[in-house]
Amino acid sequence: MYKIAVACDHRYVHKHYSNCDMYKIFYVENNRITKIKKFKIKDILQDELPKVFSENNIKYLICGGIGDLARKLFCDNNIEIIMDISTKCRQAVLDFINEKLTISVLCSDINENKDNN
C-alpha cells in the first residue's frame, strides 16, 4: 500500500501545490484506490508540508506546478512529484496507477545534483 497526495481545487488538480486549501490523500493497494481522505492544511506552513506528508507515509505528490525550492524540500522527505497535471484529482491518480503519468521530479536526480555541487 502507498499514499498519493493530490493538491485539489474541488474536484480538479490545483494549478500550484501551495495555493490549495486541501489535499486529497489516495490510498492505493494492488493498483486500486482503496480509500480517500481529505487533508486540510490551513494551519501548516508550506515549508513544513513535505515533512508532515513524510510523517504520514505519503510517497507521491500530484500537482499542477511547484517551484524548485519546494521540489527540493519534498525530495529531501522522499516524496516523488508528478506535476503539470490539469485533470480531475481521482483521474490523475488512476492515470498514475495505470502508468499513463510518470514521475516528473526524480528525487534521486535532485539529490545527485546536490552531491555534485
PDB file of N, CA and C in Angstrom:
ATOM      1  N   MET A   1       0.842  -1.173   0.000  1.00  0.00           N
ATOM      2  CA  MET A   1       0.000   0.000   0.000  1.00  0.00           C
ATOM      3  C   MET A   1       0.892   1.243   0.000  1.00  0.00           C
ATOM      4  N   TYR A   2       0.472   2.251  -0.761  1.00  0.00           N
ATOM      5  CA  TYR A   2       1.163   3.530  -0.739  1.00  0.00           C
ATOM      6  C   TYR A   2       0.122   4.644  -0.814  1.00  0.00           C
ATOM      7  N   LYS A   3       0.570   5.869  -0.511  1.00  0.00           N
ATOM      8  CA  LYS A   3      -0.344   7.011  -0.497  1.00  0.00           C
ATOM      9  C   LYS A   3       0.131   8.070  -1.476  1.00  0.00           C
ATOM     10  N   ILE A   4      -0.839   8.717  -2.097  1.00  0.00           N
ATOM     11  CA  ILE A   4      -0.587   9.800  -3.029  1.00  0.00           C
ATOM     12  C   ILE A   4      -1.353  11.025  -2.545  1.00  0.00           C
ATOM     13  N   ALA A   5      -0.652  12.145  -2.382  1.00  0.00           N
ATOM     14  CA  ALA A   5      -1.305  13.409  -2.045  1.00  0.00           C
ATOM     15  C   ALA A   5      -1.568  14.165  -3.342  1.00  0.00           C
ATOM     16  N   VAL A   6      -2.772  14.702  -3.468  1.00  0.00           N
ATOM     17  CA  VAL A   6      -3.128  15.478  -4.657  1.00  0.00           C
ATOM     18  C   VAL A   6      -3.585  16.861  -4.202  1.00  0.00           C
ATOM     19  N   ALA A   7      -2.915  17.894  -4.723  1.00  0.00           N
ATOM     20  CA  ALA A   7      -3.327  19.272  -4.452  1.00  0.00           C
ATOM     21  C   ALA A   7      -4.636  19.497  -5.206  1.00  0.00           C
ATOM     22  N   CYS A   8      -5.718  19.728  -4.466  1.00  0.00           N
ATOM     23  CA  CYS A   8      -7.033  19.785  -5.102  1.00  0.00           C
ATOM     24  C   CYS A   8      -7.702  21.145  -4.953  1.00  0.00           C
ATOM     25  N   ASP A   9      -8.392  21.516  -6.013  1.00  0.00           N
ATOM     26  CA  ASP A   9      -9.286  22.666  -6.046  1.00  0.00           C
ATOM     27  C   ASP A   9     -10.644  22.077  -6.396  1.00  0.00           C
ATOM     28  N   HIS A  10     -11.380  21.750  -5.377  1.00  0.00           N
ATOM     29  CA  HIS A  10     -12.629  20.993  -5.511  1.00  0.00           C
ATOM     30  C   HIS A  10     -12.294  19.621  -6.119  1.00  0.00           C
ATOM     31  N   ARG A  11     -12.742  19.349  -7.329  1.00  0.00           N
ATOM     32  CA  ARG A  11     -12.512  18.023  -7.919  1.00  0.00           C
ATOM     33  C   ARG A  11     -11.306  17.984  -8.847  1.00  0.00           C
ATOM     34  N   TYR A  12     -10.686  19.136  -9.084  1.00  0.00           N
ATOM     35  CA  TYR A  12      -9.586  19.215 -10.052  1.00  0.00           C
ATOM     36  C   TYR A  12      -8.241  19.431  -9.374  1.00  0.00           C
ATOM     37  N   VAL A  13      -7.175  18.991 -10.032  1.00  0.00           N
ATOM     38  CA  VAL A  13      -5.820  19.228  -9.540  1.00  0.00           C
ATOM     39  C   VAL A  13      -5.580  20.736  -9.578  1.00  0.00           C
ATOM     40  N   HIS A  14      -5.095  21.267  -8.483  1.00  0.00           N
ATOM     41  CA  HIS A  14      -4.860  22.706  -8.374  1.00  0.00           C
ATOM     42  C   HIS A  14      -3.663  23.118  -9.220  1.00  0.00           C
ATOM     43  N   LYS A  15      -3.707  24.338  -9.727  1.00  0.00           N
ATOM     44  CA  LYS A  15      -2.642  24.839 -10.610  1.00  0.00           C
ATOM     45  C   LYS A  15      -1.284  24.903  -9.921  1.00  0.00           C
ATOM     46  N   HIS A  16      -1.272  25.171  -8.619  1.00  0.00           N
ATOM     47  CA  HIS A  16       0.005  25.243  -7.892  1.00  0.00           C
ATOM     48  C   HIS A  16      -0.171  24.606  -6.528  1.00  0.00           C
ATOM     49  N   TYR A  17       0.777  23.795  -6.152  1.00  0.00           N
ATOM     50  CA  TYR A  17       0.636  22.995  -4.930  1.00  0.00           C
ATOM     51  C   TYR A  17       0.407  23.842  -3.685  1.00  0.00           C
ATOM     52  N   SER A  18       1.004  25.022  -3.610  1.00  0.00           N
ATOM     53  CA  SER A  18       0.946  25.784  -2.364  1.00  0.00           C
ATOM     54  C   SER A  18      -0.282  26.677  -2.246  1.00  0.00           C
ATOM     55  N   ASN A  19      -1.064  26.801  -3.302  1.00  0.00           N
ATOM     56  CA  ASN A  19      -2.225  27.681  -3.259  1.00  0.00           C
ATOM     57  C   ASN A  19      -3.528  26.964  -2.930  1.00  0.00           C
ATOM     58  N   CYS A  20      -3.472  25.671  -2.744  1.00  0.00           N
ATOM     59  CA  CYS A  20      -4.712  24.956  -2.433  1.00  0.00           C
ATOM     60  C   CYS A  20      -4.942  24.940  -0.921  1.00  0.00           C
ATOM     61  N   ASP A  21      -6.184  24.798  -0.537  1.00  0.00           N
ATOM     62  CA  ASP A  21      -6.546  24.736   0.881  1.00  0.00           C
ATOM     63  C   ASP A  21      -6.625  23.314   1.393  1.00  0.00           C
ATOM     64  N   MET A  22      -6.678  22.370   0.446  1.00  0.00           N
ATOM     65  CA  MET A  22      -6.911  20.994   0.838  1.00  0.00           C
ATOM     66  C   MET A  22      -6.246  20.039  -0.146  1.00  0.00           C
ATOM     67  N   TYR A  23      -5.760  18.973   0.404  1.00  0.00           N
ATOM     68  CA  TYR A  23      -5.239  17.871  -0.403  1.00  0.00           C
ATOM     69  C   TYR A  23      -6.164  16.688  -0.214  1.00  0.00           C
ATOM     70  N   LYS A  24      -6.213  15.854  -1.216  1.00  0.00           N
ATOM     71  CA  LYS A  24      -6.872  14.562  -1.059  1.00  0.00           C
ATOM     72  C   LYS A  24      -5.761  13.524  -1.017  1.00  0.00           C
ATOM     73  N   ILE A  25      -5.846  12.653  -0.031  1.00  0.00           N
ATOM     74  CA  ILE A  25      -4.874  11.577   0.119  1.00  0.00           C
ATOM     75  C   ILE A  25      -5.531  10.300  -0.384  1.00  0.00           C
ATOM     76  N   PHE A  26      -4.936   9.725  -1.421  1.00  0.00           N
ATOM     77  CA  PHE A  26      -5.438   8.499  -2.019  1.00  0.00           C
ATOM     78  C   PHE A  26      -4.590   7.333  -1.535  1.00  0.00           C
ATOM     79  N   TYR A  27      -5.245   6.331  -0.982  1.00  0.00           N
ATOM     80  CA  TYR A  27      -4.582   5.107  -0.553  1.00  0.00           C
ATOM     81  C   TYR A  27      -4.680   4.127  -1.715  1.00  0.00           C
ATOM     82  N   VAL A  28      -3.551   3.584  -2.121  1.00  0.00           N
ATOM     83  CA  VAL A  28      -3.527   2.682  -3.270  1.00  0.00           C
ATOM     84  C   VAL A  28      -2.958   1.338  -2.844  1.00  0.00           C
ATOM     85  N   GLU A  29      -3.688   0.293  -3.176  1.00  0.00           N
ATOM     86  CA  GLU A  29      -3.239  -1.069  -2.878  1.00  0.00           C
ATOM     87  C   GLU A  29      -3.638  -1.963  -4.045  1.00  0.00           C
ATOM     88  N   ASN A  30      -2.694  -2.775  -4.502  1.00  0.00           N
ATOM     89  CA  ASN A  30      -2.940  -3.671  -5.646  1.00  0.00           C
ATOM     90  C   ASN A  30      -3.503  -2.914  -6.848  1.00  0.00           C
ATOM     91  N   ASN A  31      -2.910  -1.752  -7.114  1.00  0.00           N
ATOM     92  CA  ASN A  31      -3.306  -0.910  -8.254  1.00  0.00           C
ATOM     93  C   ASN A  31      -4.766  -0.463  -8.205  1.00  0.00           C
ATOM     94  N   ARG A  32      -5.310  -0.325  -7.011  1.00  0.00           N
ATOM     95  CA  ARG A  32      -6.675   0.157  -6.826  1.00  0.00           C
ATOM     96  C   ARG A  32      -6.704   1.191  -5.719  1.00  0.00           C
ATOM     97  N   ILE A  33      -7.547   2.197  -5.901  1.00  0.00           N
ATOM     98  CA  ILE A  33      -7.772   3.173  -4.834  1.00  0.00           C
ATOM     99  C   ILE A  33      -8.651   2.514  -3.787  1.00  0.00           C
ATOM    100  N   THR A  34      -8.143   2.426  -2.563  1.00  0.00           N
ATOM    101  CA  THR A  34      -8.907   1.758  -1.507  1.00  0.00           C
ATOM    102  C   THR A  34      -9.557   2.738  -0.535  1.00  0.00           C
ATOM    103  N   LYS A  35      -9.026   3.968  -0.487  1.00  0.00           N
ATOM    104  CA  LYS A  35      -9.581   4.953   0.443  1.00  0.00           C
ATOM    105  C   LYS A  35      -9.134   6.334  -0.014  1.00  0.00           C
ATOM    106  N   ILE A  36      -9.963   7.339   0.277  1.00  0.00           N
ATOM    107  CA  ILE A  36      -9.622   8.727   0.003  1.00  0.00           C
ATOM    108  C   ILE A  36      -9.940   9.531   1.258  1.00  0.00           C
ATOM    109  N   LYS A  37      -8.964  10.325   1.714  1.00  0.00           N
ATOM    110  CA  LYS A  37      -9.172  11.185   2.874  1.00  0.00           C
ATOM    111  C   LYS A  37      -8.848  12.621   2.501  1.00  0.00           C
ATOM    112  N   LYS A  38      -9.589  13.546   3.068  1.00  0.00           N
ATOM    113  CA  LYS A  38      -9.285  14.963   2.886  1.00  0.00           C
ATOM    114  C   LYS A  38      -8.234  15.360   3.917  1.00  0.00           C
ATOM    115  N   PHE A  39      -7.298  16.174   3.483  1.00  0.00           N
ATOM    116  CA  PHE A  39      -6.210  16.629   4.345  1.00  0.00           C
ATOM    117  C   PHE A  39      -6.152  18.149   4.238  1.00  0.00           C
ATOM    118  N   LYS A  40      -6.709  18.836   5.226  1.00  0.00           N
ATOM    119  CA  LYS A  40      -6.731  20.300   5.209  1.00  0.00           C
ATOM    120  C   LYS A  40      -5.421  20.826   5.773  1.00  0.00           C
ATOM    121  N   ILE A  41      -4.914  21.877   5.150  1.00  0.00           N
ATOM    122  CA  ILE A  41      -3.571  22.352   5.504  1.00  0.00           C
ATOM    123  C   ILE A  41      -3.551  23.784   6.039  1.00  0.00           C
ATOM    124  N   LYS A  42      -4.686  24.309   6.462  1.00  0.00           N
ATOM    125  CA  LYS A  42      -4.752  25.718   6.845  1.00  0.00           C
ATOM    126  C   LYS A  42      -3.790  26.089   7.970  1.00  0.00           C
ATOM    127  N   ASP A  43      -3.434  25.189   8.840  1.00  0.00           N
ATOM    128  CA  ASP A  43      -2.543  25.503   9.956  1.00  0.00           C
ATOM    129  C   ASP A  43      -1.112  25.013   9.741  1.00  0.00           C
ATOM    130  N   ILE A  44      -0.797  24.581   8.529  1.00  0.00           N
ATOM    131  CA  ILE A  44       0.535  24.047   8.235  1.00  0.00           C
ATOM    132  C   ILE A  44       1.261  25.006   7.299  1.00  0.00           C
ATOM    133  N   LEU A  45       2.465  25.412   7.673  1.00  0.00           N
ATOM    134  CA  LEU A  45       3.278  26.263   6.799  1.00  0.00           C
ATOM    135  C   LEU A  45       3.739  25.445   5.602  1.00  0.00           C
ATOM    136  N   GLN A  46       3.829  26.100   4.441  1.00  0.00           N
ATOM    137  CA  GLN A  46       4.191  25.390   3.212  1.00  0.00           C
ATOM    138  C   GLN A  46       5.537  24.683   3.309  1.00  0.00           C
ATOM    139  N   ASP A  47       6.518  25.271   3.998  1.00  0.00           N
ATOM    140  CA  ASP A  47       7.815  24.602   4.089  1.00  0.00           C
ATOM    141  C   ASP A  47       7.797  23.436   5.073  1.00  0.00           C
ATOM    142  N   GLU A  48       6.739  23.304   5.868  1.00  0.00           N
ATOM    143  CA  GLU A  48       6.582  22.171   6.782  1.00  0.00           C
ATOM    144  C   GLU A  48       5.801  21.022   6.145  1.00  0.00           C
ATOM    145  N   LEU A  49       5.086  21.327   5.065  1.00  0.00           N
ATOM    146  CA  LEU A  49       4.212  20.332   4.441  1.00  0.00           C
ATOM    147  C   LEU A  49       4.942  19.058   4.002  1.00  0.00           C
ATOM    148  N   PRO A  50       6.120  19.151   3.369  1.00  0.00           N
ATOM    149  CA  PRO A  50       6.807  17.910   2.985  1.00  0.00           C
ATOM    150  C   PRO A  50       7.102  16.998   4.178  1.00  0.00           C
ATOM    151  N   LYS A  51       7.497  17.579   5.297  1.00  0.00           N
ATOM    152  CA  LYS A  51       7.788  16.772   6.492  1.00  0.00           C
ATOM    153  C   LYS A  51       6.509  16.120   7.026  1.00  0.00           C
ATOM    154  N   VAL A  52       5.425  16.884   7.045  1.00  0.00           N
ATOM    155  CA  VAL A  52       4.135  16.345   7.516  1.00  0.00           C
ATOM    156  C   VAL A  52       3.696  15.197   6.607  1.00  0.00           C
ATOM    157  N   PHE A  53       3.829  15.382   5.293  1.00  0.00           N
ATOM    158  CA  PHE A  53       3.475  14.306   4.367  1.00  0.00           C
ATOM    159  C   PHE A  53       4.339  13.073   4.612  1.00  0.00           C
ATOM    160  N   SER A  54       5.624  13.287   4.781  1.00  0.00           N
ATOM    161  CA  SER A  54       6.537  12.163   5.019  1.00  0.00           C
ATOM    162  C   SER A  54       6.169  11.419   6.301  1.00  0.00           C
ATOM    163  N   GLU A  55       5.854  12.158   7.344  1.00  0.00           N
ATOM    164  CA  GLU A  55       5.450  11.534   8.611  1.00  0.00           C
ATOM    165  C   GLU A  55       4.155  10.739   8.472  1.00  0.00           C
ATOM    166  N   ASN A  56       3.365  11.067   7.452  1.00  0.00           N
ATOM    167  CA  ASN A  56       2.119  10.343   7.189  1.00  0.00           C
ATOM    168  C   ASN A  56       2.289   9.311   6.076  1.00  0.00           C
ATOM    169  N   ASN A  57       3.538   8.980   5.764  1.00  0.00           N
ATOM    170  CA  ASN A  57       3.889   7.928   4.796  1.00  0.00           C
ATOM    171  C   ASN A  57       3.340   8.179   3.394  1.00  0.00           C
ATOM    172  N   ILE A  58       3.287   9.441   2.992  1.00  0.00           N
ATOM    173  CA  ILE A  58       2.879   9.780   1.632  1.00  0.00           C
ATOM    174  C   ILE A  58       4.109   9.686   0.743  1.00  0.00           C
ATOM    175  N   LYS A  59       3.990   8.970  -0.377  1.00  0.00           N
ATOM    176  CA  LYS A  59       5.139   8.705  -1.252  1.00  0.00           C
ATOM    177  C   LYS A  59       5.160   9.570  -2.503  1.00  0.00           C
ATOM    178  N   TYR A  60       3.989  10.103  -2.916  1.00  0.00           N
ATOM    179  CA  TYR A  60       3.898  10.859  -4.159  1.00  0.00           C
ATOM    180  C   TYR A  60       3.054  12.102  -3.948  1.00  0.00           C
ATOM    181  N   LEU A  61       3.371  13.148  -4.713  1.00  0.00           N
ATOM    182  CA  LEU A  61       2.588  14.372  -4.748  1.00  0.00           C
ATOM    183  C   LEU A  61       2.196  14.634  -6.196  1.00  0.00           C
ATOM    184  N   ILE A  62       0.912  14.839  -6.430  1.00  0.00           N
ATOM    185  CA  ILE A  62       0.421  15.237  -7.747  1.00  0.00           C
ATOM    186  C   ILE A  62      -0.056  16.675  -7.640  1.00  0.00           C
ATOM    187  N   CYS A  63       0.425  17.521  -8.575  1.00  0.00           N
ATOM    188  CA  CYS A  63       0.042  18.930  -8.554  1.00  0.00           C
ATOM    189  C   CYS A  63       0.155  19.515  -9.955  1.00  0.00           C
ATOM    190  N   GLY A  64      -0.321  20.749 -10.087  1.00  0.00           N
ATOM    191  CA  GLY A  64      -0.168  21.449 -11.353  1.00  0.00           C
ATOM    192  C   GLY A  64       1.254  21.955 -11.491  1.00  0.00           C
ATOM    193  N   GLY A  65       1.663  22.809 -10.574  1.00  0.00           N
ATOM    194  CA  GLY A  65       3.009  23.365 -10.620  1.00  0.00           C
ATOM    195  C   GLY A  65       3.641  23.397  -9.245  1.00  0.00           C
ATOM    196  N   ILE A  66       4.981  23.528  -9.254  1.00  0.00           N
ATOM    197  CA  ILE A  66       5.731  23.565  -8.000  1.00  0.00           C
ATOM    198  C   ILE A  66       7.108  24.153  -8.295  1.00  0.00           C
ATOM    199  N   GLY A  67       7.570  25.026  -7.427  1.00  0.00           N
ATOM    200  CA  GLY A  67       8.861  25.680  -7.621  1.00  0.00           C
ATOM    201  C   GLY A  67      10.041  24.791  -7.256  1.00  0.00           C
ATOM    202  N   ASP A  68      11.230  25.258  -7.614  1.00  0.00           N
ATOM    203  CA  ASP A  68      12.453  24.480  -7.391  1.00  0.00           C
ATOM    204  C   ASP A  68      12.728  24.210  -5.914  1.00  0.00           C
ATOM    205  N   LEU A  69      12.567  25.223  -5.065  1.00  0.00           N
ATOM    206  CA  LEU A  69      12.840  25.023  -3.639  1.00  0.00           C
ATOM    207  C   LEU A  69      11.877  24.004  -3.043  1.00  0.00           C
ATOM    208  N   ALA A  70      10.609  24.100  -3.403  1.00  0.00           N
ATOM    209  CA  ALA A  70       9.617  23.143  -2.895  1.00  0.00           C
ATOM    210  C   ALA A  70       9.929  21.735  -3.383  1.00  0.00           C
ATOM    211  N   ARG A  71      10.354  21.612  -4.635  1.00  0.00           N
ATOM    212  CA  ARG A  71      10.739  20.288  -5.156  1.00  0.00           C
ATOM    213  C   ARG A  71      11.827  19.681  -4.286  1.00  0.00           C
ATOM    214  N   LYS A  72      12.816  20.495  -3.962  1.00  0.00           N
ATOM    215  CA  LYS A  72      13.920  20.004  -3.132  1.00  0.00           C
ATOM    216  C   LYS A  72      13.408  19.579  -1.755  1.00  0.00           C
ATOM    217  N   LEU A  73      12.532  20.384  -1.162  1.00  0.00           N
ATOM    218  CA  LEU A  73      12.005  20.046   0.167  1.00  0.00           C
ATOM    219  C   LEU A  73      11.235  18.729   0.144  1.00  0.00           C
ATOM    220  N   PHE A  74      10.429  18.525  -0.890  1.00  0.00           N
ATOM    221  CA  PHE A  74       9.693  17.261  -0.989  1.00  0.00           C
ATOM    222  C   PHE A  74      10.665  16.098  -1.188  1.00  0.00           C
ATOM    223  N   CYS A  75      11.660  16.295  -2.041  1.00  0.00           N
ATOM    224  CA  CYS A  75      12.628  15.217  -2.278  1.00  0.00           C
ATOM    225  C   CYS A  75      13.459  14.921  -1.044  1.00  0.00           C
ATOM    226  N   ASP A  76      13.789  15.955  -0.277  1.00  0.00           N
ATOM    227  CA  ASP A  76      14.512  15.729   0.975  1.00  0.00           C
ATOM    228  C   ASP A  76      13.712  14.858   1.927  1.00  0.00           C
ATOM    229  N   ASN A  77      12.392  14.818   1.712  1.00  0.00           N
ATOM    230  CA  ASN A  77      11.500  13.990   2.536  1.00  0.00           C
ATOM    231  C   ASN A  77      11.011  12.755   1.789  1.00  0.00           C
ATOM    232  N   ASN A  78      11.730  12.402   0.709  1.00  0.00           N
ATOM    233  CA  ASN A  78      11.468  11.174  -0.065  1.00  0.00           C
ATOM    234  C   ASN A  78      10.066  11.109  -0.664  1.00  0.00           C
ATOM    235  N   ILE A  79       9.597  12.251  -1.172  1.00  0.00           N
ATOM    236  CA  ILE A  79       8.298  12.306  -1.835  1.00  0.00           C
ATOM    237  C   ILE A  79       8.541  12.656  -3.293  1.00  0.00           C
ATOM    238  N   GLU A  80       8.157  11.742  -4.175  1.00  0.00           N
ATOM    239  CA  GLU A  80       8.314  11.940  -5.612  1.00  0.00           C
ATOM    240  C   GLU A  80       7.187  12.841  -6.111  1.00  0.00           C
ATOM    241  N   ILE A  81       7.445  13.624  -7.167  1.00  0.00           N
ATOM    242  CA  ILE A  81       6.494  14.630  -7.630  1.00  0.00           C
ATOM    243  C   ILE A  81       6.030  14.336  -9.059  1.00  0.00           C
ATOM    244  N   ILE A  82       4.719  14.377  -9.247  1.00  0.00           N
ATOM    245  CA  ILE A  82       4.104  14.274 -10.564  1.00  0.00           C
ATOM    246  C   ILE A  82       3.444  15.630 -10.788  1.00  0.00           C
ATOM    247  N   MET A  83       3.936  16.408 -11.767  1.00  0.00           N
ATOM    248  CA  MET A  83       3.441  17.778 -11.917  1.00  0.00           C
ATOM    249  C   MET A  83       2.981  18.065 -13.345  1.00  0.00           C
ATOM    250  N   ASP A  84       2.508  19.279 -13.539  1.00  0.00           N
ATOM    251  CA  ASP A  84       1.943  19.727 -14.808  1.00  0.00           C
ATOM    252  C   ASP A  84       0.670  18.943 -15.140  1.00  0.00           C
ATOM    253  N   ILE A  85      -0.092  18.631 -14.108  1.00  0.00           N
ATOM    254  CA  ILE A  85      -1.315  17.858 -14.267  1.00  0.00           C
ATOM    255  C   ILE A  85      -2.512  18.808 -14.171  1.00  0.00           C
ATOM    256  N   SER A  86      -3.459  18.682 -15.076  1.00  0.00           N
ATOM    257  CA  SER A  86      -4.650  19.545 -15.065  1.00  0.00           C
ATOM    258  C   SER A  86      -5.891  18.725 -15.432  1.00  0.00           C
ATOM    259  N   THR A  87      -6.224  17.823 -14.539  1.00  0.00           N
ATOM    260  CA  THR A  87      -7.397  16.978 -14.742  1.00  0.00           C
ATOM    261  C   THR A  87      -8.092  16.820 -13.386  1.00  0.00           C
ATOM    262  N   LYS A  88      -9.091  15.993 -13.326  1.00  0.00           N
ATOM    263  CA  LYS A  88      -9.737  15.717 -12.042  1.00  0.00           C
ATOM    264  C   LYS A  88      -8.768  14.943 -11.157  1.00  0.00           C
ATOM    265  N   CYS A  89      -8.860  15.174  -9.858  1.00  0.00           N
ATOM    266  CA  CYS A  89      -7.932  14.560  -8.896  1.00  0.00           C
ATOM    267  C   CYS A  89      -7.939  13.038  -8.994  1.00  0.00           C
ATOM    268  N   ARG A  90      -9.099  12.460  -8.940  1.00  0.00           N
ATOM    269  CA  ARG A  90      -9.203  10.990  -8.999  1.00  0.00           C
ATOM    270  C   ARG A  90      -8.647  10.454 -10.315  1.00  0.00           C
ATOM    271  N   GLN A  91      -8.945  11.134 -11.416  1.00  0.00           N
ATOM    272  CA  GLN A  91      -8.455  10.690 -12.718  1.00  0.00           C
ATOM    273  C   GLN A  91      -6.935  10.738 -12.774  1.00  0.00           C
ATOM    274  N   ALA A  92      -6.338  11.756 -12.167  1.00  0.00           N
ATOM    275  CA  ALA A  92      -4.877  11.853 -12.141  1.00  0.00           C
ATOM    276  C   ALA A  92      -4.263  10.657 -11.420  1.00  0.00           C
ATOM    277  N   VAL A  93      -4.871  10.258 -10.313  1.00  0.00           N
ATOM    278  CA  VAL A  93      -4.374   9.094  -9.570  1.00  0.00           C
ATOM    279  C   VAL A  93      -4.550   7.823 -10.395  1.00  0.00           C
ATOM    280  N   LEU A  94      -5.707   7.662 -11.003  1.00  0.00           N
ATOM    281  CA  LEU A  94      -5.935   6.485 -11.849  1.00  0.00           C
ATOM    282  C   LEU A  94      -4.934   6.443 -13.008  1.00  0.00           C
ATOM    283  N   ASP A  95      -4.666   7.600 -13.606  1.00  0.00           N
ATOM    284  CA  ASP A  95      -3.680   7.649 -14.691  1.00  0.00           C
ATOM    285  C   ASP A  95      -2.296   7.254 -14.193  1.00  0.00           C
ATOM    286  N   PHE A  96      -1.941   7.698 -12.995  1.00  0.00           N
ATOM    287  CA  PHE A  96      -0.639   7.324 -12.432  1.00  0.00           C
ATOM    288  C   PHE A  96      -0.575   5.823 -12.156  1.00  0.00           C
ATOM    289  N   ILE A  97      -1.620   5.290 -11.547  1.00  0.00           N
ATOM    290  CA  ILE A  97      -1.673   3.852 -11.256  1.00  0.00           C
ATOM    291  C   ILE A  97      -1.533   3.044 -12.550  1.00  0.00           C
ATOM    292  N   ASN A  98      -2.177   3.522 -13.626  1.00  0.00           N
ATOM    293  CA  ASN A  98      -2.173   2.815 -14.906  1.00  0.00           C
ATOM    294  C   ASN A  98      -0.996   3.215 -15.797  1.00  0.00           C
ATOM    295  N   GLU A  99      -0.014   3.869 -15.198  1.00  0.00           N
ATOM    296  CA  GLU A  99       1.244   4.238 -15.862  1.00  0.00           C
ATOM    297  C   GLU A  99       1.047   5.154 -17.064  1.00  0.00           C
ATOM    298  N   LYS A 100       0.010   5.977 -17.022  1.00  0.00           N
ATOM    299  CA  LYS A 100      -0.196   6.988 -18.058  1.00  0.00           C
ATOM    300  C   LYS A 100       0.482   8.300 -17.673  1.00  0.00           C
ATOM    301  N   LEU A 101       0.857   8.419 -16.405  1.00  0.00           N
ATOM    302  CA  LEU A 101       1.619   9.558 -15.903  1.00  0.00           C
ATOM    303  C   LEU A 101       2.927   9.029 -15.339  1.00  0.00           C
ATOM    304  N   THR A 102       3.959   9.821 -15.473  1.00  0.00           N
ATOM    305  CA  THR A 102       5.243   9.426 -14.900  1.00  0.00           C
ATOM    306  C   THR A 102       5.690  10.468 -13.882  1.00  0.00           C
ATOM    307  N   ILE A 103       6.619  10.079 -13.074  1.00  0.00           N
ATOM    308  CA  ILE A 103       7.170  10.980 -12.078  1.00  0.00           C
ATOM    309  C   ILE A 103       7.925  12.080 -12.809  1.00  0.00           C
ATOM    310  N   SER A 104       7.601  13.327 -12.489  1.00  0.00           N
ATOM    311  CA  SER A 104       8.217  14.483 -13.149  1.00  0.00           C
ATOM    312  C   SER A 104       9.545  14.845 -12.525  1.00  0.00           C
ATOM    313  N   VAL A 105       9.641  14.696 -11.225  1.00  0.00           N
ATOM    314  CA  VAL A 105      10.843  15.079 -10.492  1.00  0.00           C
ATOM    315  C   VAL A 105      11.336  13.858  -9.734  1.00  0.00           C
ATOM    316  N   LEU A 106      12.415  13.293 -10.226  1.00  0.00           N
ATOM    317  CA  LEU A 106      13.006  12.149  -9.528  1.00  0.00           C
ATOM    318  C   LEU A 106      13.911  12.674  -8.431  1.00  0.00           C
ATOM    319  N   CYS A 107      13.624  12.285  -7.219  1.00  0.00           N
ATOM    320  CA  CYS A 107      14.413  12.773  -6.096  1.00  0.00           C
ATOM    321  C   CYS A 107      15.871  12.349  -6.223  1.00  0.00           C
ATOM    322  N   SER A 108      16.107  11.208  -6.812  1.00  0.00           N
ATOM    323  CA  SER A 108      17.491  10.764  -6.989  1.00  0.00           C
ATOM    324  C   SER A 108      18.253  11.740  -7.877  1.00  0.00           C
ATOM    325  N   ASP A 109      17.588  12.350  -8.869  1.00  0.00           N
ATOM    326  CA  ASP A 109      18.245  13.342  -9.722  1.00  0.00           C
ATOM    327  C   ASP A 109      18.580  14.606  -8.943  1.00  0.00           C
ATOM    328  N   ILE A 110      17.639  15.086  -8.127  1.00  0.00           N
ATOM    329  CA  ILE A 110      17.879  16.290  -7.333  1.00  0.00           C
ATOM    330  C   ILE A 110      18.991  16.038  -6.335  1.00  0.00           C
ATOM    331  N   ASN A 111      18.952  14.893  -5.650  1.00  0.00           N
ATOM    332  CA  ASN A 111      19.988  14.581  -4.657  1.00  0.00           C
ATOM    333  C   ASN A 111      21.339  14.382  -5.308  1.00  0.00           C
ATOM    334  N   GLU A 112      21.357  13.820  -6.519  1.00  0.00           N
ATOM    335  CA  GLU A 112      22.614  13.621  -7.238  1.00  0.00           C
ATOM    336  C   GLU A 112      23.226  14.987  -7.610  1.00  0.00           C
ATOM    337  N   ASN A 113      22.397  15.921  -8.080  1.00  0.00           N
ATOM    338  CA  ASN A 113      22.880  17.246  -8.436  1.00  0.00           C
ATOM    339  C   ASN A 113      23.417  17.971  -7.213  1.00  0.00           C
ATOM    340  N   LYS A 114      22.764  17.791  -6.059  1.00  0.00           N
ATOM    341  CA  LYS A 114      23.198  18.405  -4.816  1.00  0.00           C
ATOM    342  C   LYS A 114      24.572  17.873  -4.432  1.00  0.00           C
ATOM    343  N   ASP A 115      24.794  16.582  -4.608  1.00  0.00           N
ATOM    344  CA  ASP A 115      26.069  15.974  -4.243  1.00  0.00           C
ATOM    345  C   ASP A 115      27.199  16.396  -5.166  1.00  0.00           C
ATOM    346  N   ASN A 116      26.876  16.755  -6.420  1.00  0.00           N
ATOM    347  CA  ASN A 116      27.897  17.144  -7.387  1.00  0.00           C
ATOM    348  C   ASN A 116      28.281  18.610  -7.282  1.00  0.00           C
ATOM    349  N   ASN A 117      27.564  19.407  -6.505  1.00  0.00           N
ATOM    350  CA  ASN A 117      27.880  20.842  -6.388  1.00  0.00           C
ATOM    351  C   ASN A 117      28.850  21.110  -5.277  1.00  0.00           C
TER     352      ASN A 117
END
